[in-house]
């Protein structure tokens, strides 16, 4: 692999495999230094800088990762990859306005970039601007109708508006067709049924979700649905247990 890199210092496949050999031997520090060396030899390589940035993020060095992303952007000013990754890094650190500015700049140049719309939708979700989030997810779905994450997120965003429950159901059902075993998609579909007052159907989907993934949010939804079908004892216990772990659930999915 080192011989391969000698003849082609930007051979990313060889570099990835070298890193994997270090990781397999639990020598993460050595892997980091080998990557640093490779990047220093080709500082104007967007490919290497992006891989380096990704590695730094994985290894909890966000400030260094930002420098690598800036170098990648300088190496390829017209590429959307480094701005998108920079926005994602801002978003993951809770710097929502910084992420928003980065995405605004990116989308002014590439208004149909589906990855940017997806991240913008997640950002608007985090900002509790659900109508705007739904519009971004719709753009993703219009360009990639089999994107189950976008379908699921769109359905959930729309479910917050009682006037758009039929549309929310359409997207949630489509997501389930594509990923019938996903606990998150079952939870979304069950919650849309709940919001529509179809409580028996809601319980069926939510029980399937909780059986696969007993996270508090899913249990909370199922507890609410149980209360609506006469299983108030089970429902109250499930809601109390979920709120004991995550009290914020009472605000994100209120008792309604």
C-alpha atoms as a PDB file:
ATOM      1  CA  UNK A   1       0.000   0.000   0.000  1.00  0.00           C
ATOM      2  CA  UNK A   2       2.853   2.381   0.753  1.00  0.00           C
ATOM      3  CA  UNK A   3       4.325   1.561  -2.654  1.00  0.00           C
ATOM      4  CA  UNK A   4       0.992   2.431  -4.233  1.00  0.00           C
ATOM      5  CA  UNK A   5       1.007   5.798  -2.457  1.00  0.00           C
ATOM      6  CA  UNK A   6       4.540   6.508  -3.597  1.00  0.00           C
ATOM      7  CA  UNK A   7       3.472   6.269  -7.220  1.00  0.00           C
ATOM      8  CA  UNK A   8       0.152   8.065  -6.587  1.00  0.00           C
ATOM      9  CA  UNK A   9       0.088  10.179  -3.377  1.00  0.00           C
ATOM     10  CA  UNK A  10      -3.635  10.882  -3.861  1.00  0.00           C
ATOM     11  CA  UNK A  11      -4.627   7.214  -4.076  1.00  0.00           C
ATOM     12  CA  UNK A  12      -7.454   7.403  -1.581  1.00  0.00           C
ATOM     13  CA  UNK A  13      -8.211   3.691  -1.665  1.00  0.00           C
ATOM     14  CA  UNK A  14      -4.648   2.829  -0.655  1.00  0.00           C
ATOM     15  CA  UNK A  15      -4.684   5.471   2.058  1.00  0.00           C
ATOM     16  CA  UNK A  16      -7.983   4.218   3.469  1.00  0.00           C
ATOM     17  CA  UNK A  17      -6.637   0.681   3.617  1.00  0.00           C
ATOM     18  CA  UNK A  18      -3.464   1.849   5.373  1.00  0.00           C
ATOM     19  CA  UNK A  19      -5.585   3.650   7.959  1.00  0.00           C
ATOM     20  CA  UNK A  20      -7.653   0.503   8.439  1.00  0.00           C
ATOM     21  CA  UNK A  21      -4.529  -1.549   9.143  1.00  0.00           C
ATOM     22  CA  UNK A  22      -3.586   0.867  11.928  1.00  0.00           C
ATOM     23  CA  UNK A  23      -7.111   0.863  13.334  1.00  0.00           C
ATOM     24  CA  UNK A  24      -7.188  -2.942  13.288  1.00  0.00           C
ATOM     25  CA  UNK A  25      -4.096  -2.853  15.505  1.00  0.00           C
ATOM     26  CA  UNK A  26      -5.715  -0.230  17.769  1.00  0.00           C
ATOM     27  CA  UNK A  27      -3.145   2.372  16.710  1.00  0.00           C
ATOM     28  CA  UNK A  28      -5.464   5.309  16.079  1.00  0.00           C
ATOM     29  CA  UNK A  29      -2.729   7.815  16.878  1.00  0.00           C
ATOM     30  CA  UNK A  30      -0.453   6.283  14.273  1.00  0.00           C
ATOM     31  CA  UNK A  31      -3.291   6.345  11.746  1.00  0.00           C
ATOM     32  CA  UNK A  32      -3.836  10.034  12.462  1.00  0.00           C
ATOM     33  CA  UNK A  33      -0.168  10.849  11.961  1.00  0.00           C
ATOM     34  CA  UNK A  34      -0.030   8.863   8.715  1.00  0.00           C
ATOM     35  CA  UNK A  35      -3.023  10.781   7.433  1.00  0.00           C
ATOM     36  CA  UNK A  36      -1.530  14.083   8.514  1.00  0.00           C
ATOM     37  CA  UNK A  37       1.632  13.225   6.587  1.00  0.00           C
ATOM     38  CA  UNK A  38      -0.309  12.286   3.456  1.00  0.00           C
ATOM     39  CA  UNK A  39      -2.293  15.524   3.535  1.00  0.00           C
ATOM     40  CA  UNK A  40       0.786  17.670   4.166  1.00  0.00           C
ATOM     41  CA  UNK A  41       2.332  16.224   1.012  1.00  0.00           C
ATOM     42  CA  UNK A  42      -0.722  17.192  -1.058  1.00  0.00           C
ATOM     43  CA  UNK A  43      -2.312  20.167   0.736  1.00  0.00           C
ATOM     44  CA  UNK A  44      -4.208  21.214  -2.408  1.00  0.00           C
ATOM     45  CA  UNK A  45      -5.997  17.901  -2.809  1.00  0.00           C
ATOM     46  CA  UNK A  46      -9.704  18.295  -2.125  1.00  0.00           C
ATOM     47  CA  UNK A  47     -10.092  14.517  -1.888  1.00  0.00           C
ATOM     48  CA  UNK A  48      -7.460  14.109   0.802  1.00  0.00           C
ATOM     49  CA  UNK A  49      -8.563  17.171   2.750  1.00  0.00           C
ATOM     50  CA  UNK A  50     -12.158  15.905   2.835  1.00  0.00           C
ATOM     51  CA  UNK A  51     -11.081  12.473   4.033  1.00  0.00           C
ATOM     52  CA  UNK A  52      -8.844  14.117   6.632  1.00  0.00           C
ATOM     53  CA  UNK A  53     -11.725  16.324   7.819  1.00  0.00           C
ATOM     54  CA  UNK A  54     -14.012  13.317   8.133  1.00  0.00           C
ATOM     55  CA  UNK A  55     -11.374  11.470  10.145  1.00  0.00           C
ATOM     56  CA  UNK A  56     -10.899  14.439  12.461  1.00  0.00           C
ATOM     57  CA  UNK A  57     -14.637  14.747  13.074  1.00  0.00           C
ATOM     58  CA  UNK A  58     -14.809  11.033  13.880  1.00  0.00           C
ATOM     59  CA  UNK A  59     -11.962  11.453  16.338  1.00  0.00           C
ATOM     60  CA  UNK A  60     -13.484  14.491  18.011  1.00  0.00           C
ATOM     61  CA  UNK A  61     -11.173  17.179  16.673  1.00  0.00           C
ATOM     62  CA  UNK A  62     -13.742  19.599  15.190  1.00  0.00           C
ATOM     63  CA  UNK A  63     -11.471  22.657  15.114  1.00  0.00           C
ATOM     64  CA  UNK A  64      -8.853  20.797  13.088  1.00  0.00           C
ATOM     65  CA  UNK A  65     -11.626  19.439  10.872  1.00  0.00           C
ATOM     66  CA  UNK A  66     -12.745  22.981  10.073  1.00  0.00           C
ATOM     67  CA  UNK A  67      -9.228  23.835   8.909  1.00  0.00           C
ATOM     68  CA  UNK A  68      -9.250  20.800   6.629  1.00  0.00           C
ATOM     69  CA  UNK A  69     -12.635  21.774   5.211  1.00  0.00           C
ATOM     70  CA  UNK A  70     -11.385  25.304   4.568  1.00  0.00           C
ATOM     71  CA  UNK A  71      -8.389  23.853   2.726  1.00  0.00           C
ATOM     72  CA  UNK A  72     -10.689  21.592   0.704  1.00  0.00           C
ATOM     73  CA  UNK A  73     -12.839  24.579  -0.241  1.00  0.00           C
ATOM     74  CA  UNK A  74      -9.752  26.550  -1.278  1.00  0.00           C
ATOM     75  CA  UNK A  75      -8.629  23.609  -3.413  1.00  0.00           C
ATOM     76  CA  UNK A  76     -12.024  23.297  -5.142  1.00  0.00           C
ATOM     77  CA  UNK A  77     -13.981  26.565  -4.717  1.00  0.00           C
ATOM     78  CA  UNK A  78     -16.872  25.443  -6.909  1.00  0.00           C
ATOM     79  CA  UNK A  79     -17.402  22.098  -5.167  1.00  0.00           C
ATOM     80  CA  UNK A  80     -20.457  21.761  -2.916  1.00  0.00           C
ATOM     81  CA  UNK A  81     -18.950  19.013  -0.785  1.00  0.00           C
ATOM     82  CA  UNK A  82     -16.841  21.026   1.656  1.00  0.00           C
ATOM     83  CA  UNK A  83     -19.547  23.676   2.362  1.00  0.00           C
ATOM     84  CA  UNK A  84     -22.086  20.926   2.944  1.00  0.00           C
ATOM     85  CA  UNK A  85     -19.785  19.108   5.355  1.00  0.00           C
ATOM     86  CA  UNK A  86     -18.977  22.385   7.120  1.00  0.00           C
ATOM     87  CA  UNK A  87     -22.691  23.059   7.573  1.00  0.00           C
ATOM     88  CA  UNK A  88     -23.164  19.531   8.869  1.00  0.00           C
ATOM     89  CA  UNK A  89     -20.373  20.055  11.396  1.00  0.00           C
ATOM     90  CA  UNK A  90     -21.951  23.315  12.567  1.00  0.00           C
ATOM     91  CA  UNK A  91     -25.319  21.593  12.865  1.00  0.00           C
ATOM     92  CA  UNK A  92     -23.896  18.697  14.883  1.00  0.00           C
ATOM     93  CA  UNK A  93     -22.370  21.202  17.318  1.00  0.00           C
ATOM     94  CA  UNK A  94     -25.610  23.122  17.727  1.00  0.00           C
ATOM     95  CA  UNK A  95     -24.363  26.146  15.763  1.00  0.00           C
ATOM     96  CA  UNK A  96     -27.614  26.443  13.854  1.00  0.00           C
ATOM     97  CA  UNK A  97     -27.189  29.981  12.552  1.00  0.00           C
ATOM     98  CA  UNK A  98     -23.693  29.239  11.270  1.00  0.00           C
ATOM     99  CA  UNK A  99     -25.068  26.162   9.525  1.00  0.00           C
ATOM    100  CA  UNK A 100     -27.918  28.221   8.095  1.00  0.00           C
ATOM    101  CA  UNK A 101     -25.551  30.812   6.633  1.00  0.00           C
ATOM    102  CA  UNK A 102     -23.382  28.102   5.068  1.00  0.00           C
ATOM    103  CA  UNK A 103     -26.416  26.410   3.543  1.00  0.00           C
ATOM    104  CA  UNK A 104     -27.842  29.701   2.279  1.00  0.00           C
ATOM    105  CA  UNK A 105     -24.582  30.383   0.435  1.00  0.00           C
ATOM    106  CA  UNK A 106     -24.483  26.869  -0.966  1.00  0.00           C
ATOM    107  CA  UNK A 107     -28.087  26.877  -2.134  1.00  0.00           C
ATOM    108  CA  UNK A 108     -27.774  30.264  -3.801  1.00  0.00           C
ATOM    109  CA  UNK A 109     -25.252  28.557  -6.075  1.00  0.00           C
ATOM    110  CA  UNK A 110     -26.955  25.137  -6.224  1.00  0.00           C
ATOM    111  CA  UNK A 111     -30.683  25.542  -5.474  1.00  0.00           C
ATOM    112  CA  UNK A 112     -31.468  21.944  -6.427  1.00  0.00           C
ATOM    113  CA  UNK A 113     -28.804  20.289  -4.259  1.00  0.00           C
ATOM    114  CA  UNK A 114     -30.771  17.504  -2.551  1.00  0.00           C
ATOM    115  CA  UNK A 115     -28.213  16.932   0.203  1.00  0.00           C
ATOM    116  CA  UNK A 116     -28.363  20.612   1.101  1.00  0.00           C
ATOM    117  CA  UNK A 117     -32.169  20.518   1.188  1.00  0.00           C
ATOM    118  CA  UNK A 118     -32.044  17.458   3.440  1.00  0.00           C
ATOM    119  CA  UNK A 119     -29.707  19.097   5.908  1.00  0.00           C
ATOM    120  CA  UNK A 120     -31.684  22.337   5.761  1.00  0.00           C
ATOM    121  CA  UNK A 121     -34.832  20.363   6.581  1.00  0.00           C
ATOM    122  CA  UNK A 122     -33.149  18.852   9.628  1.00  0.00           C
ATOM    123  CA  UNK A 123     -31.938  22.297  10.662  1.00  0.00           C
ATOM    124  CA  UNK A 124     -35.456  23.752  10.408  1.00  0.00           C
ATOM    125  CA  UNK A 125     -36.769  20.778  12.386  1.00  0.00           C
ATOM    126  CA  UNK A 126     -34.247  21.540  15.125  1.00  0.00           C
ATOM    127  CA  UNK A 127     -35.337  25.202  15.003  1.00  0.00           C
ATOM    128  CA  UNK A 128     -38.993  24.100  15.335  1.00  0.00           C
ATOM    129  CA  UNK A 129     -39.785  25.748  12.012  1.00  0.00           C
ATOM    130  CA  UNK A 130     -41.750  22.768  10.775  1.00  0.00           C
ATOM    131  CA  UNK A 131     -43.434  24.256   7.674  1.00  0.00           C
ATOM    132  CA  UNK A 132     -40.020  25.297   6.328  1.00  0.00           C
ATOM    133  CA  UNK A 133     -38.624  21.866   7.178  1.00  0.00           C
ATOM    134  CA  UNK A 134     -41.456  20.228   5.242  1.00  0.00           C
ATOM    135  CA  UNK A 135     -40.719  22.354   2.164  1.00  0.00           C
ATOM    136  CA  UNK A 136     -37.091  21.239   2.130  1.00  0.00           C
ATOM    137  CA  UNK A 137     -38.040  17.579   2.585  1.00  0.00           C
ATOM    138  CA  UNK A 138     -40.506  17.911  -0.285  1.00  0.00           C
ATOM    139  CA  UNK A 139     -37.690  19.089  -2.525  1.00  0.00           C
ATOM    140  CA  UNK A 140     -35.691  15.992  -1.588  1.00  0.00           C
ATOM    141  CA  UNK A 141     -38.625  13.669  -2.220  1.00  0.00           C
ATOM    142  CA  UNK A 142     -39.408  15.313  -5.556  1.00  0.00           C
ATOM    143  CA  UNK A 143     -35.845  14.560  -6.653  1.00  0.00           C
ATOM    144  CA  UNK A 144     -35.564  11.156  -4.975  1.00  0.00           C
ATOM    145  CA  UNK A 145     -38.935   9.558  -4.335  1.00  0.00           C
ATOM    146  CA  UNK A 146     -37.329   6.543  -2.626  1.00  0.00           C
ATOM    147  CA  UNK A 147     -35.486   8.538   0.024  1.00  0.00           C
ATOM    148  CA  UNK A 148     -37.073   6.957   3.090  1.00  0.00           C
ATOM    149  CA  UNK A 149     -35.477   9.358   5.574  1.00  0.00           C
ATOM    150  CA  UNK A 150     -36.873  12.370   3.727  1.00  0.00           C
ATOM    151  CA  UNK A 151     -40.280  10.689   3.380  1.00  0.00           C
ATOM    152  CA  UNK A 152     -40.360   9.877   7.083  1.00  0.00           C
ATOM    153  CA  UNK A 153     -39.203  13.328   8.165  1.00  0.00           C
ATOM    154  CA  UNK A 154     -41.680  14.981   5.822  1.00  0.00           C
ATOM    155  CA  UNK A 155     -44.559  12.912   7.178  1.00  0.00           C
ATOM    156  CA  UNK A 156     -43.677  13.780  10.760  1.00  0.00           C
ATOM    157  CA  UNK A 157     -43.240  17.483  10.008  1.00  0.00           C
ATOM    158  CA  UNK A 158     -46.617  17.595   8.254  1.00  0.00           C
ATOM    159  CA  UNK A 159     -48.296  15.668  11.090  1.00  0.00           C
ATOM    160  CA  UNK A 160     -47.811  18.692  13.337  1.00  0.00           C
ATOM    161  CA  UNK A 161     -50.407  20.555  11.278  1.00  0.00           C
ATOM    162  CA  UNK A 162     -53.926  19.149  11.708  1.00  0.00           C
ATOM    163  CA  UNK A 163     -54.816  20.477   8.246  1.00  0.00           C
ATOM    164  CA  UNK A 164     -52.141  18.356   6.554  1.00  0.00           C
ATOM    165  CA  UNK A 165     -52.691  14.965   8.150  1.00  0.00           C
ATOM    166  CA  UNK A 166     -53.908  13.316   4.939  1.00  0.00           C
ATOM    167  CA  UNK A 167     -50.751  14.397   3.150  1.00  0.00           C
ATOM    168  CA  UNK A 168     -48.651  13.272   6.106  1.00  0.00           C
ATOM    169  CA  UNK A 169     -50.292   9.847   5.942  1.00  0.00           C
ATOM    170  CA  UNK A 170     -49.486   9.526   2.237  1.00  0.00           C
ATOM    171  CA  UNK A 171     -45.783  10.056   2.843  1.00  0.00           C
ATOM    172  CA  UNK A 172     -45.680   7.868   5.958  1.00  0.00           C
ATOM    173  CA  UNK A 173     -47.328   4.978   4.100  1.00  0.00           C
ATOM    174  CA  UNK A 174     -44.879   5.362   1.226  1.00  0.00           C
ATOM    175  CA  UNK A 175     -41.983   5.258   3.677  1.00  0.00           C
ATOM    176  CA  UNK A 176     -43.335   2.054   5.218  1.00  0.00           C
ATOM    177  CA  UNK A 177     -43.663   0.454   1.784  1.00  0.00           C
ATOM    178  CA  UNK A 178     -39.960   1.086   1.228  1.00  0.00           C
ATOM    179  CA  UNK A 179     -38.737   0.218   4.732  1.00  0.00           C
ATOM    180  CA  UNK A 180     -41.370  -1.923   6.482  1.00  0.00           C
ATOM    181  CA  UNK A 181     -39.042  -2.974   9.308  1.00  0.00           C
ATOM    182  CA  UNK A 182     -37.896   0.488  10.380  1.00  0.00           C
ATOM    183  CA  UNK A 183     -38.985   1.284  13.934  1.00  0.00           C
ATOM    184  CA  UNK A 184     -38.779   5.009  13.271  1.00  0.00           C
ATOM    185  CA  UNK A 185     -41.018   4.782  10.227  1.00  0.00           C
ATOM    186  CA  UNK A 186     -43.522   2.602  12.088  1.00  0.00           C
ATOM    187  CA  UNK A 187     -43.518   5.179  14.869  1.00  0.00           C
ATOM    188  CA  UNK A 188     -44.174   8.015  12.421  1.00  0.00           C
ATOM    189  CA  UNK A 189     -47.003   6.136  10.722  1.00  0.00           C
ATOM    190  CA  UNK A 190     -48.502   5.227  14.092  1.00  0.00           C
ATOM    191  CA  UNK A 191     -48.277   8.827  15.235  1.00  0.00           C
ATOM    192  CA  UNK A 192     -49.983  10.095  12.071  1.00  0.00           C
ATOM    193  CA  UNK A 193     -52.816   7.611  12.667  1.00  0.00           C
ATOM    194  CA  UNK A 194     -53.012   8.880  16.254  1.00  0.00           C
ATOM    195  CA  UNK A 195     -53.251  12.488  15.098  1.00  0.00           C
ATOM    196  CA  UNK A 196     -56.036  11.463  12.692  1.00  0.00           C
ATOM    197  CA  UNK A 197     -57.973   9.783  15.496  1.00  0.00           C
ATOM    198  CA  UNK A 198     -57.469   6.271  14.096  1.00  0.00           C
ATOM    199  CA  UNK A 199     -56.346   4.887  17.435  1.00  0.00           C
ATOM    200  CA  UNK A 200     -56.618   1.146  16.789  1.00  0.00           C
ATOM    201  CA  UNK A 201     -54.456   1.496  13.676  1.00  0.00           C
ATOM    202  CA  UNK A 202     -52.100   3.714  15.651  1.00  0.00           C
ATOM    203  CA  UNK A 203     -51.640   1.061  18.353  1.00  0.00           C
ATOM    204  CA  UNK A 204     -50.846  -1.615  15.777  1.00  0.00           C
ATOM    205  CA  UNK A 205     -48.047   0.399  14.188  1.00  0.00           C
ATOM    206  CA  UNK A 206     -46.678   1.740  17.466  1.00  0.00           C
ATOM    207  CA  UNK A 207     -46.576  -1.703  19.064  1.00  0.00           C
ATOM    208  CA  UNK A 208     -44.503  -2.856  16.106  1.00  0.00           C
ATOM    209  CA  UNK A 209     -42.183   0.120  16.556  1.00  0.00           C
ATOM    210  CA  UNK A 210     -41.666  -0.436  20.293  1.00  0.00           C
ATOM    211  CA  UNK A 211     -41.090  -4.161  19.781  1.00  0.00           C
ATOM    212  CA  UNK A 212     -38.143  -3.279  17.556  1.00  0.00           C
ATOM    213  CA  UNK A 213     -36.859  -0.255  19.475  1.00  0.00           C
ATOM    214  CA  UNK A 214     -38.000   0.498  23.055  1.00  0.00           C
ATOM    215  CA  UNK A 215     -36.785   4.096  23.086  1.00  0.00           C
ATOM    216  CA  UNK A 216     -38.701   6.504  25.378  1.00  0.00           C
ATOM    217  CA  UNK A 217     -40.137   8.562  22.502  1.00  0.00           C
ATOM    218  CA  UNK A 218     -41.678   5.485  20.896  1.00  0.00           C
ATOM    219  CA  UNK A 219     -43.019   4.209  24.229  1.00  0.00           C
ATOM    220  CA  UNK A 220     -44.513   7.617  24.930  1.00  0.00           C
ATOM    221  CA  UNK A 221     -46.434   7.579  21.656  1.00  0.00           C
ATOM    222  CA  UNK A 222     -47.659   4.043  22.327  1.00  0.00           C
ATOM    223  CA  UNK A 223     -48.727   5.017  25.844  1.00  0.00           C
ATOM    224  CA  UNK A 224     -50.813   7.858  24.436  1.00  0.00           C
ATOM    225  CA  UNK A 225     -52.427   5.503  21.934  1.00  0.00           C
ATOM    226  CA  UNK A 226     -53.148   2.901  24.639  1.00  0.00           C
ATOM    227  CA  UNK A 227     -55.012   5.555  26.627  1.00  0.00           C
ATOM    228  CA  UNK A 228     -57.259   6.120  23.616  1.00  0.00           C
ATOM    229  CA  UNK A 229     -58.247   2.468  23.167  1.00  0.00           C
ATOM    230  CA  UNK A 230     -59.160   1.715  26.767  1.00  0.00           C
ATOM    231  CA  UNK A 231     -55.794   0.437  27.958  1.00  0.00           C
ATOM    232  CA  UNK A 232     -55.325   3.308  30.377  1.00  0.00           C
ATOM    233  CA  UNK A 233     -53.317   1.355  32.962  1.00  0.00           C
ATOM    234  CA  UNK A 234     -50.731   0.198  30.414  1.00  0.00           C
ATOM    235  CA  UNK A 235     -50.777   3.623  28.794  1.00  0.00           C
ATOM    236  CA  UNK A 236     -50.216   5.556  32.015  1.00  0.00           C
ATOM    237  CA  UNK A 237     -47.352   3.296  33.054  1.00  0.00           C
ATOM    238  CA  UNK A 238     -45.687   3.559  29.674  1.00  0.00           C
ATOM    239  CA  UNK A 239     -46.022   7.356  29.583  1.00  0.00           C
ATOM    240  CA  UNK A 240     -44.661   7.713  33.123  1.00  0.00           C
ATOM    241  CA  UNK A 241     -41.680   5.482  32.347  1.00  0.00           C
ATOM    242  CA  UNK A 242     -40.904   7.409  29.164  1.00  0.00           C
ATOM    243  CA  UNK A 243     -41.156  10.803  30.870  1.00  0.00           C
ATOM    244  CA  UNK A 244     -38.922   9.627  33.700  1.00  0.00           C
ATOM    245  CA  UNK A 245     -36.159   9.110  31.134  1.00  0.00           C
ATOM    246  CA  UNK A 246     -36.935  12.124  28.918  1.00  0.00           C
ATOM    247  CA  UNK A 247     -39.274  14.772  30.400  1.00  0.00           C
ATOM    248  CA  UNK A 248     -39.023  16.831  27.184  1.00  0.00           C
ATOM    249  CA  UNK A 249     -41.383  14.397  25.483  1.00  0.00           C
ATOM    250  CA  UNK A 250     -44.323  16.167  27.062  1.00  0.00           C
ATOM    251  CA  UNK A 251     -43.454  19.241  24.963  1.00  0.00           C
ATOM    252  CA  UNK A 252     -42.451  17.526  21.698  1.00  0.00           C
ATOM    253  CA  UNK A 253     -45.497  15.238  21.591  1.00  0.00           C
ATOM    254  CA  UNK A 254     -48.034  16.773  23.971  1.00  0.00           C
ATOM    255  CA  UNK A 255     -50.925  14.895  25.517  1.00  0.00           C
ATOM    256  CA  UNK A 256     -53.566  15.560  22.863  1.00  0.00           C
END
